[in-house]
C-alpha atoms as a PDB file:
ATOM      1  CA  UNK A   1      19.815   8.348  33.557  1.00  0.00           C
ATOM      2  CA  UNK A   2      19.640   4.337  33.753  1.00  0.00           C
ATOM      3  CA  UNK A   3      18.056   1.853  31.668  1.00  0.00           C
ATOM      4  CA  UNK A   4      15.166   0.871  33.830  1.00  0.00           C
ATOM      5  CA  UNK A   5      14.377   4.603  34.559  1.00  0.00           C
ATOM      6  CA  UNK A   6      14.245   5.440  30.755  1.00  0.00           C
ATOM      7  CA  UNK A   7      11.839   2.679  29.026  1.00  0.00           C
ATOM      8  CA  UNK A   8       9.845   0.038  31.775  1.00  0.00           C
ATOM      9  CA  UNK A   9       6.387  -1.365  32.657  1.00  0.00           C
ATOM     10  CA  UNK A  10       3.690  -0.410  34.620  1.00  0.00           C
ATOM     11  CA  UNK A  11       1.405  -3.696  35.563  1.00  0.00           C
ATOM     12  CA  UNK A  12      -0.618  -5.232  35.250  1.00  0.00           C
ATOM     13  CA  UNK A  13      -3.525  -2.956  35.966  1.00  0.00           C
ATOM     14  CA  UNK A  14      -7.239  -4.506  37.400  1.00  0.00           C
ATOM     15  CA  UNK A  15      -9.369  -5.909  34.680  1.00  0.00           C
ATOM     16  CA  UNK A  16     -12.432  -3.817  33.604  1.00  0.00           C
ATOM     17  CA  UNK A  17     -14.235  -4.646  30.475  1.00  0.00           C
ATOM     18  CA  UNK A  18     -16.071  -2.026  29.035  1.00  0.00           C
ATOM     19  CA  UNK A  19     -19.304  -1.590  27.154  1.00  0.00           C
ATOM     20  CA  UNK A  20     -18.818   1.391  24.405  1.00  0.00           C
ATOM     21  CA  UNK A  21     -20.839   2.650  21.906  1.00  0.00           C
ATOM     22  CA  UNK A  22     -19.573   3.674  18.548  1.00  0.00           C
ATOM     23  CA  UNK A  23     -20.026   8.036  18.692  1.00  0.00           C
ATOM     24  CA  UNK A  24     -18.509   7.973  14.660  1.00  0.00           C
ATOM     25  CA  UNK A  25     -16.799   6.546  12.203  1.00  0.00           C
ATOM     26  CA  UNK A  26     -14.429   8.551   9.616  1.00  0.00           C
ATOM     27  CA  UNK A  27     -12.665   7.402   6.708  1.00  0.00           C
ATOM     28  CA  UNK A  28      -8.877   8.718   7.169  1.00  0.00           C
ATOM     29  CA  UNK A  29      -7.882   6.513   3.610  1.00  0.00           C
ATOM     30  CA  UNK A  30      -9.277   4.118   1.544  1.00  0.00           C
ATOM     31  CA  UNK A  31      -8.268   0.699   3.614  1.00  0.00           C
ATOM     32  CA  UNK A  32      -7.908   2.784   7.100  1.00  0.00           C
ATOM     33  CA  UNK A  33     -11.375   3.729   8.984  1.00  0.00           C
ATOM     34  CA  UNK A  34     -11.340   5.592  12.786  1.00  0.00           C
ATOM     35  CA  UNK A  35     -13.942   4.706  14.911  1.00  0.00           C
ATOM     36  CA  UNK A  36     -14.430   7.012  18.044  1.00  0.00           C
ATOM     37  CA  UNK A  37     -16.247   4.894  21.040  1.00  0.00           C
ATOM     38  CA  UNK A  38     -17.667   6.779  23.975  1.00  0.00           C
ATOM     39  CA  UNK A  39     -19.848   5.824  27.234  1.00  0.00           C
ATOM     40  CA  UNK A  40     -20.108   5.953  30.615  1.00  0.00           C
ATOM     41  CA  UNK A  41     -18.160   3.089  30.378  1.00  0.00           C
ATOM     42  CA  UNK A  42     -15.053   5.377  29.667  1.00  0.00           C
ATOM     43  CA  UNK A  43     -14.589   6.735  33.306  1.00  0.00           C
ATOM     44  CA  UNK A  44     -11.217   5.865  34.683  1.00  0.00           C
ATOM     45  CA  UNK A  45      -9.929   4.132  31.474  1.00  0.00           C
ATOM     46  CA  UNK A  46      -5.701   4.861  31.019  1.00  0.00           C
ATOM     47  CA  UNK A  47      -3.248   4.294  28.378  1.00  0.00           C
ATOM     48  CA  UNK A  48      -0.128   5.920  28.897  1.00  0.00           C
ATOM     49  CA  UNK A  49       1.840   4.314  26.155  1.00  0.00           C
ATOM     50  CA  UNK A  50       1.702   4.828  22.842  1.00  0.00           C
ATOM     51  CA  UNK A  51       1.536   1.043  21.305  1.00  0.00           C
ATOM     52  CA  UNK A  52      -0.884  -0.078  24.477  1.00  0.00           C
ATOM     53  CA  UNK A  53      -3.450  -2.200  23.435  1.00  0.00           C
ATOM     54  CA  UNK A  54      -6.913  -3.201  24.116  1.00  0.00           C
ATOM     55  CA  UNK A  55      -8.471  -6.257  23.740  1.00  0.00           C
ATOM     56  CA  UNK A  56     -11.496  -5.426  21.560  1.00  0.00           C
ATOM     57  CA  UNK A  57     -15.371  -8.055  22.137  1.00  0.00           C
ATOM     58  CA  UNK A  58     -17.415  -8.270  19.185  1.00  0.00           C
ATOM     59  CA  UNK A  59     -21.089  -8.582  18.904  1.00  0.00           C
ATOM     60  CA  UNK A  60     -21.529 -11.672  16.468  1.00  0.00           C
ATOM     61  CA  UNK A  61     -23.564 -11.644  13.335  1.00  0.00           C
ATOM     62  CA  UNK A  62     -27.330 -10.029  14.383  1.00  0.00           C
ATOM     63  CA  UNK A  63     -26.295  -8.706  17.884  1.00  0.00           C
ATOM     64  CA  UNK A  64     -26.521  -5.064  18.686  1.00  0.00           C
ATOM     65  CA  UNK A  65     -24.238  -5.882  21.804  1.00  0.00           C
ATOM     66  CA  UNK A  66     -21.388  -8.193  22.857  1.00  0.00           C
ATOM     67  CA  UNK A  67     -21.488 -11.030  25.331  1.00  0.00           C
ATOM     68  CA  UNK A  68     -19.269  -9.678  28.363  1.00  0.00           C
ATOM     69  CA  UNK A  69     -18.103 -11.508  30.468  1.00  0.00           C
ATOM     70  CA  UNK A  70     -17.512 -10.843  34.703  1.00  0.00           C
ATOM     71  CA  UNK A  71     -15.485 -10.274  36.248  1.00  0.00           C
ATOM     72  CA  UNK A  72     -14.062 -11.536  40.088  1.00  0.00           C
ATOM     73  CA  UNK A  73     -11.988 -13.759  42.123  1.00  0.00           C
ATOM     74  CA  UNK A  74     -12.124 -16.320  39.191  1.00  0.00           C
ATOM     75  CA  UNK A  75     -11.003 -13.868  36.763  1.00  0.00           C
ATOM     76  CA  UNK A  76     -13.454 -13.539  33.642  1.00  0.00           C
ATOM     77  CA  UNK A  77     -15.933 -15.349  33.783  1.00  0.00           C
ATOM     78  CA  UNK A  78     -18.500 -15.477  30.791  1.00  0.00           C
ATOM     79  CA  UNK A  79     -22.288 -16.756  31.302  1.00  0.00           C
ATOM     80  CA  UNK A  80     -23.199 -20.005  30.892  1.00  0.00           C
ATOM     81  CA  UNK A  81     -23.844 -21.728  27.728  1.00  0.00           C
ATOM     82  CA  UNK A  82     -23.210 -18.641  25.165  1.00  0.00           C
ATOM     83  CA  UNK A  83     -20.517 -18.321  23.339  1.00  0.00           C
ATOM     84  CA  UNK A  84     -17.334 -16.808  23.951  1.00  0.00           C
ATOM     85  CA  UNK A  85     -17.465 -12.920  21.150  1.00  0.00           C
ATOM     86  CA  UNK A  86     -14.356 -12.860  19.099  1.00  0.00           C
ATOM     87  CA  UNK A  87     -11.871 -10.841  20.328  1.00  0.00           C
ATOM     88  CA  UNK A  88      -8.683  -8.705  18.710  1.00  0.00           C
ATOM     89  CA  UNK A  89      -6.137  -6.494  19.896  1.00  0.00           C
ATOM     90  CA  UNK A  90      -6.058  -2.730  18.997  1.00  0.00           C
ATOM     91  CA  UNK A  91      -4.361   0.341  19.752  1.00  0.00           C
ATOM     92  CA  UNK A  92      -5.721   2.888  21.396  1.00  0.00           C
ATOM     93  CA  UNK A  93      -5.196   6.052  18.907  1.00  0.00           C
ATOM     94  CA  UNK A  94      -6.539   8.867  21.341  1.00  0.00           C
ATOM     95  CA  UNK A  95      -8.075   8.910  24.562  1.00  0.00           C
ATOM     96  CA  UNK A  96      -9.481  12.482  25.822  1.00  0.00           C
ATOM     97  CA  UNK A  97     -10.848  12.005  29.307  1.00  0.00           C
ATOM     98  CA  UNK A  98     -12.607  15.249  29.093  1.00  0.00           C
ATOM     99  CA  UNK A  99     -14.743  14.302  25.770  1.00  0.00           C
ATOM    100  CA  UNK A 100     -15.158  10.940  27.265  1.00  0.00           C
ATOM    101  CA  UNK A 101     -13.974   9.730  23.511  1.00  0.00           C
ATOM    102  CA  UNK A 102     -11.384   6.871  22.803  1.00  0.00           C
ATOM    103  CA  UNK A 103     -10.289   6.480  18.933  1.00  0.00           C
ATOM    104  CA  UNK A 104      -9.691   3.552  17.494  1.00  0.00           C
ATOM    105  CA  UNK A 105      -7.732   3.081  14.198  1.00  0.00           C
ATOM    106  CA  UNK A 106      -8.889  -0.753  11.837  1.00  0.00           C
ATOM    107  CA  UNK A 107      -7.016  -1.672   8.555  1.00  0.00           C
ATOM    108  CA  UNK A 108      -9.486  -2.666   6.477  1.00  0.00           C
ATOM    109  CA  UNK A 109      -8.578  -5.620   4.318  1.00  0.00           C
ATOM    110  CA  UNK A 110     -11.235  -8.509   3.967  1.00  0.00           C
ATOM    111  CA  UNK A 111     -13.355 -10.655   6.115  1.00  0.00           C
ATOM    112  CA  UNK A 112     -11.605 -10.113   9.158  1.00  0.00           C
ATOM    113  CA  UNK A 113     -13.997 -10.209  12.149  1.00  0.00           C
ATOM    114  CA  UNK A 114     -12.032  -6.406  13.119  1.00  0.00           C
ATOM    115  CA  UNK A 115     -12.061  -5.342   9.810  1.00  0.00           C
ATOM    116  CA  UNK A 116     -15.640  -6.730   8.717  1.00  0.00           C
ATOM    117  CA  UNK A 117     -17.094  -4.611  12.216  1.00  0.00           C
ATOM    118  CA  UNK A 118     -15.354  -1.425  11.634  1.00  0.00           C
ATOM    119  CA  UNK A 119     -16.292  -0.997   7.544  1.00  0.00           C
ATOM    120  CA  UNK A 120     -19.801  -1.663   9.163  1.00  0.00           C
ATOM    121  CA  UNK A 121     -20.069   0.305  12.242  1.00  0.00           C
ATOM    122  CA  UNK A 122     -22.144   3.162  12.641  1.00  0.00           C
ATOM    123  CA  UNK A 123     -22.934   5.791  15.272  1.00  0.00           C
ATOM    124  CA  UNK A 124     -24.619   3.967  18.043  1.00  0.00           C
ATOM    125  CA  UNK A 125     -23.339   0.576  17.577  1.00  0.00           C
ATOM    126  CA  UNK A 126     -21.686  -1.499  20.865  1.00  0.00           C
ATOM    127  CA  UNK A 127     -18.358  -3.136  21.399  1.00  0.00           C
ATOM    128  CA  UNK A 128     -16.307  -4.541  24.511  1.00  0.00           C
ATOM    129  CA  UNK A 129     -13.271  -2.663  25.200  1.00  0.00           C
ATOM    130  CA  UNK A 130     -10.531  -4.878  28.180  1.00  0.00           C
ATOM    131  CA  UNK A 131      -7.585  -3.255  28.994  1.00  0.00           C
ATOM    132  CA  UNK A 132      -5.355  -1.943  28.732  1.00  0.00           C
ATOM    133  CA  UNK A 133      -3.931  -4.594  31.447  1.00  0.00           C
ATOM    134  CA  UNK A 134      -0.543  -2.968  31.281  1.00  0.00           C
ATOM    135  CA  UNK A 135       2.008  -0.217  29.713  1.00  0.00           C
ATOM    136  CA  UNK A 136       5.372   0.121  28.323  1.00  0.00           C
ATOM    137  CA  UNK A 137       7.038   4.132  29.488  1.00  0.00           C
ATOM    138  CA  UNK A 138       8.823   5.693  26.968  1.00  0.00           C
ATOM    139  CA  UNK A 139      11.278   8.160  28.130  1.00  0.00           C
ATOM    140  CA  UNK A 140      11.115  11.227  25.738  1.00  0.00           C
ATOM    141  CA  UNK A 141      14.839  12.229  26.372  1.00  0.00           C
ATOM    142  CA  UNK A 142      16.507   9.757  23.786  1.00  0.00           C
ATOM    143  CA  UNK A 143      19.046  11.398  21.496  1.00  0.00           C
ATOM    144  CA  UNK A 144      16.636   9.783  18.387  1.00  0.00           C
ATOM    145  CA  UNK A 145      13.803   7.681  18.117  1.00  0.00           C
ATOM    146  CA  UNK A 146      13.802   4.486  14.991  1.00  0.00           C
ATOM    147  CA  UNK A 147       9.865   3.794  14.149  1.00  0.00           C
ATOM    148  CA  UNK A 148       8.680   1.477  11.285  1.00  0.00           C
ATOM    149  CA  UNK A 149       5.496  -0.747  10.381  1.00  0.00           C
ATOM    150  CA  UNK A 150       3.195  -1.888   7.656  1.00  0.00           C
ATOM    151  CA  UNK A 151      -0.708  -0.416   8.167  1.00  0.00           C
ATOM    152  CA  UNK A 152      -1.058  -2.266  11.653  1.00  0.00           C
ATOM    153  CA  UNK A 153       1.421  -0.513  13.155  1.00  0.00           C
ATOM    154  CA  UNK A 154       0.530   2.896  11.781  1.00  0.00           C
ATOM    155  CA  UNK A 155      -1.989   3.857  14.894  1.00  0.00           C
ATOM    156  CA  UNK A 156       1.015   3.258  17.472  1.00  0.00           C
ATOM    157  CA  UNK A 157       3.676   5.505  14.889  1.00  0.00           C
ATOM    158  CA  UNK A 158       0.935   7.763  14.881  1.00  0.00           C
ATOM    159  CA  UNK A 159       0.366   8.445  18.183  1.00  0.00           C
ATOM    160  CA  UNK A 160       4.102   8.079  19.106  1.00  0.00           C
ATOM    161  CA  UNK A 161       5.237  11.263  17.032  1.00  0.00           C
ATOM    162  CA  UNK A 162       1.649  12.918  17.831  1.00  0.00           C
ATOM    163  CA  UNK A 163       3.289  13.015  21.846  1.00  0.00           C
ATOM    164  CA  UNK A 164       6.919  13.400  20.898  1.00  0.00           C
ATOM    165  CA  UNK A 165       7.751  16.301  22.774  1.00  0.00           C
ATOM    166  CA  UNK A 166       9.044  19.791  20.840  1.00  0.00           C
ATOM    167  CA  UNK A 167      12.822  19.079  19.644  1.00  0.00           C
ATOM    168  CA  UNK A 168      12.914  15.062  19.434  1.00  0.00           C
ATOM    169  CA  UNK A 169      13.536  13.696  16.599  1.00  0.00           C
ATOM    170  CA  UNK A 170      12.115  10.545  15.074  1.00  0.00           C
ATOM    171  CA  UNK A 171      13.251   8.514  12.376  1.00  0.00           C
ATOM    172  CA  UNK A 172       9.866   6.897  10.634  1.00  0.00           C
ATOM    173  CA  UNK A 173       9.670   4.834   7.790  1.00  0.00           C
ATOM    174  CA  UNK A 174       5.872   2.998   7.130  1.00  0.00           C
ATOM    175  CA  UNK A 175       4.504   0.519   4.621  1.00  0.00           C
ATOM    176  CA  UNK A 176       1.616   1.413   2.911  1.00  0.00           C
ATOM    177  CA  UNK A 177       0.138   0.328  -0.509  1.00  0.00           C
ATOM    178  CA  UNK A 178       0.057   3.547  -1.778  1.00  0.00           C
ATOM    179  CA  UNK A 179       0.612   7.564  -1.803  1.00  0.00           C
ATOM    180  CA  UNK A 180      -3.566   7.041  -0.904  1.00  0.00           C
ATOM    181  CA  UNK A 181      -2.802   5.708   1.960  1.00  0.00           C
ATOM    182  CA  UNK A 182      -0.366   8.081   3.720  1.00  0.00           C
ATOM    183  CA  UNK A 183      -1.556  10.002   6.851  1.00  0.00           C
ATOM    184  CA  UNK A 184      -0.712  13.940   7.805  1.00  0.00           C
ATOM    185  CA  UNK A 185       0.606  13.787  12.174  1.00  0.00           C
ATOM    186  CA  UNK A 186      -0.222  16.486  14.442  1.00  0.00           C
ATOM    187  CA  UNK A 187       3.472  16.364  15.737  1.00  0.00           C
ATOM    188  CA  UNK A 188       6.150  18.601  17.651  1.00  0.00           C
ATOM    189  CA  UNK A 189       9.079  16.572  16.915  1.00  0.00           C
ATOM    190  CA  UNK A 190      11.315  16.589  14.256  1.00  0.00           C
ATOM    191  CA  UNK A 191      10.151  14.013  12.077  1.00  0.00           C
ATOM    192  CA  UNK A 192      12.140  12.096   9.018  1.00  0.00           C
ATOM    193  CA  UNK A 193       9.174  10.590   6.977  1.00  0.00           C
ATOM    194  CA  UNK A 194       9.393   8.212   4.339  1.00  0.00           C
ATOM    195  CA  UNK A 195       6.142   6.709   3.107  1.00  0.00           C
ATOM    196  CA  UNK A 196       7.332   2.912   1.106  1.00  0.00           C
ATOM    197  CA  UNK A 197       4.656   2.195  -1.665  1.00  0.00           C
ATOM    198  CA  UNK A 198       3.955  -1.233  -2.194  1.00  0.00           C
ATOM    199  CA  UNK A 199       2.845  -0.707  -5.986  1.00  0.00           C
ATOM    200  CA  UNK A 200       0.435  -3.430  -6.211  1.00  0.00           C
ATOM    201  CA  UNK A 201       2.251  -5.952  -4.149  1.00  0.00           C
ATOM    202  CA  UNK A 202       0.503  -8.218  -1.552  1.00  0.00           C
ATOM    203  CA  UNK A 203       1.017  -6.814   2.436  1.00  0.00           C
ATOM    204  CA  UNK A 204       3.705  -9.289   3.908  1.00  0.00           C
ATOM    205  CA  UNK A 205       5.213 -10.033   0.480  1.00  0.00           C
ATOM    206  CA  UNK A 206       7.636  -7.118   0.379  1.00  0.00           C
ATOM    207  CA  UNK A 207      10.772  -6.396   1.965  1.00  0.00           C
ATOM    208  CA  UNK A 208      10.439  -2.487   1.792  1.00  0.00           C
ATOM    209  CA  UNK A 209      11.250  -1.734   5.673  1.00  0.00           C
ATOM    210  CA  UNK A 210      13.739  -3.922   6.005  1.00  0.00           C
ATOM    211  CA  UNK A 211      15.924  -2.527   3.151  1.00  0.00           C
ATOM    212  CA  UNK A 212      15.200   0.939   4.468  1.00  0.00           C
ATOM    213  CA  UNK A 213      16.321   0.300   7.663  1.00  0.00           C
ATOM    214  CA  UNK A 214      19.689  -1.297   6.350  1.00  0.00           C
ATOM    215  CA  UNK A 215      19.703   1.203   4.121  1.00  0.00           C
ATOM    216  CA  UNK A 216      19.848   3.710   7.239  1.00  0.00           C
ATOM    217  CA  UNK A 217      22.438   5.707   8.162  1.00  0.00           C
ATOM    218  CA  UNK A 218      22.136   6.023  11.861  1.00  0.00           C
ATOM    219  CA  UNK A 219      22.875   8.987  13.362  1.00  0.00           C
ATOM    220  CA  UNK A 220      24.933   9.393  17.216  1.00  0.00           C
ATOM    221  CA  UNK A 221      23.532   9.032  20.496  1.00  0.00           C
ATOM    222  CA  UNK A 222      20.927   6.732  22.594  1.00  0.00           C
ATOM    223  CA  UNK A 223      18.177   5.724  20.241  1.00  0.00           C
ATOM    224  CA  UNK A 224      14.646   3.456  20.944  1.00  0.00           C
ATOM    225  CA  UNK A 225      13.702   1.869  17.916  1.00  0.00           C
ATOM    226  CA  UNK A 226      10.027   0.150  17.487  1.00  0.00           C
ATOM    227  CA  UNK A 227       8.443  -1.255  14.787  1.00  0.00           C
ATOM    228  CA  UNK A 228       5.156  -3.838  13.906  1.00  0.00           C
ATOM    229  CA  UNK A 229       3.783  -5.463  11.266  1.00  0.00           C
ATOM    230  CA  UNK A 230       3.947  -8.906   9.519  1.00  0.00           C
ATOM    231  CA  UNK A 231       5.225 -11.288  11.804  1.00  0.00           C
ATOM    232  CA  UNK A 232       8.151 -12.802   9.340  1.00  0.00           C
ATOM    233  CA  UNK A 233       9.293  -9.587   8.312  1.00  0.00           C
ATOM    234  CA  UNK A 234       9.269  -8.261  12.015  1.00  0.00           C
ATOM    235  CA  UNK A 235      11.721 -11.064  12.908  1.00  0.00           C
ATOM    236  CA  UNK A 236      14.193 -10.084   9.684  1.00  0.00           C
ATOM    237  CA  UNK A 237      14.125  -6.322  11.323  1.00  0.00           C
ATOM    238  CA  UNK A 238      14.742  -7.559  15.111  1.00  0.00           C
ATOM    239  CA  UNK A 239      17.415 -10.013  14.100  1.00  0.00           C
ATOM    240  CA  UNK A 240      19.057  -7.359  12.265  1.00  0.00           C
ATOM    241  CA  UNK A 241      18.827  -4.311  15.082  1.00  0.00           C
ATOM    242  CA  UNK A 242      19.968  -6.495  17.487  1.00  0.00           C
ATOM    243  CA  UNK A 243      22.580  -9.314  16.137  1.00  0.00           C
ATOM    244  CA  UNK A 244      23.927  -7.094  13.387  1.00  0.00           C
ATOM    245  CA  UNK A 245      23.689  -3.309  14.439  1.00  0.00           C
ATOM    246  CA  UNK A 246      24.511  -4.789  18.360  1.00  0.00           C
ATOM    247  CA  UNK A 247      21.041  -2.141  19.811  1.00  0.00           C
ATOM    248  CA  UNK A 248      20.745  -1.879  23.134  1.00  0.00           C
ATOM    249  CA  UNK A 249      17.900  -4.825  23.662  1.00  0.00           C
ATOM    250  CA  UNK A 250      16.073  -2.902  26.454  1.00  0.00           C
ATOM    251  CA  UNK A 251      15.821  -0.334  24.077  1.00  0.00           C
ATOM    252  CA  UNK A 252      14.287  -2.175  21.237  1.00  0.00           C
ATOM    253  CA  UNK A 253      10.648  -3.149  21.064  1.00  0.00           C
ATOM    254  CA  UNK A 254       9.454  -5.526  17.682  1.00  0.00           C
ATOM    255  CA  UNK A 255       5.965  -7.208  17.009  1.00  0.00           C
ATOM    256  CA  UNK A 256       4.636  -9.257  14.459  1.00  0.00           C
ATOM    257  CA  UNK A 257       1.133  -7.529  14.707  1.00  0.00           C
ATOM    258  CA  UNK A 258      -0.155 -10.210  12.166  1.00  0.00           C
ATOM    259  CA  UNK A 259       1.360 -12.936  10.370  1.00  0.00           C
ATOM    260  CA  UNK A 260       0.747 -13.951   6.207  1.00  0.00           C
ATOM    261  CA  UNK A 261      -1.575 -16.647   6.066  1.00  0.00           C
ATOM    262  CA  UNK A 262      -2.456 -16.845   9.745  1.00  0.00           C
ATOM    263  CA  UNK A 263      -5.836 -16.151  10.829  1.00  0.00           C
ATOM    264  CA  UNK A 264      -6.016 -15.768  14.765  1.00  0.00           C
ATOM    265  CA  UNK A 265      -2.007 -14.679  15.128  1.00  0.00           C
ATOM    266  CA  UNK A 266      -0.913 -13.128  18.210  1.00  0.00           C
ATOM    267  CA  UNK A 267       2.708 -12.217  19.642  1.00  0.00           C
ATOM    268  CA  UNK A 268       2.677 -11.371  23.114  1.00  0.00           C
ATOM    269  CA  UNK A 269       2.934  -7.243  23.362  1.00  0.00           C
ATOM    270  CA  UNK A 270       5.074  -7.342  26.520  1.00  0.00           C
END
């Protein structure tokens, strides 16, 4: 199978902004919250890639529903004289078209707009969801998969593991605060999962993920590598895979989902 057929992008898809309602709120760990959304607007929603992202539009303080734009020939247009809502990108953790449910996992980390909304979310609240605008499809026939990330990358890793077929091999490193933040995944794949604990260190200040990947004896065969977390840490991992390991750049996706000290850091996902 050629390179293009094993990892490829679909999209961009037409823009659709949905108003969804909170159906359930579940605490996965001390610092991870799962919000299950539903509503008629979910009809037609699609998410094929484990690291897809949707843009959330949050209601302003005191509002039940966020201000949503209309989509027309000129693109996205917000009502005049109204402050645009705060937005953030999140991974669709699970989508069930039969039940009409969309799960999003939120890291609870202080006063960020997404973290604050999730910490206070309750059944009946509303949020805007736009996208995904595109998706990267990754073949299930790689000899093995390397997955790594901190809490921000955990939803995409969990989804990837649960979607891999029986017999697939995945080597996984996940950095969390301590053992209380570990999760269980319902996967058919052969998974070698290592949890890396910061043990009191602040997020984004360690090199645990980089050291774990550098210390790995890479199995033979073709592999797909995916990692996400703090931007500076991810840059070092990307450089190691591409420059030192000489990995196939078409089979490496490494993202800085956040940056220590920056409030609104965003890197392109495509």
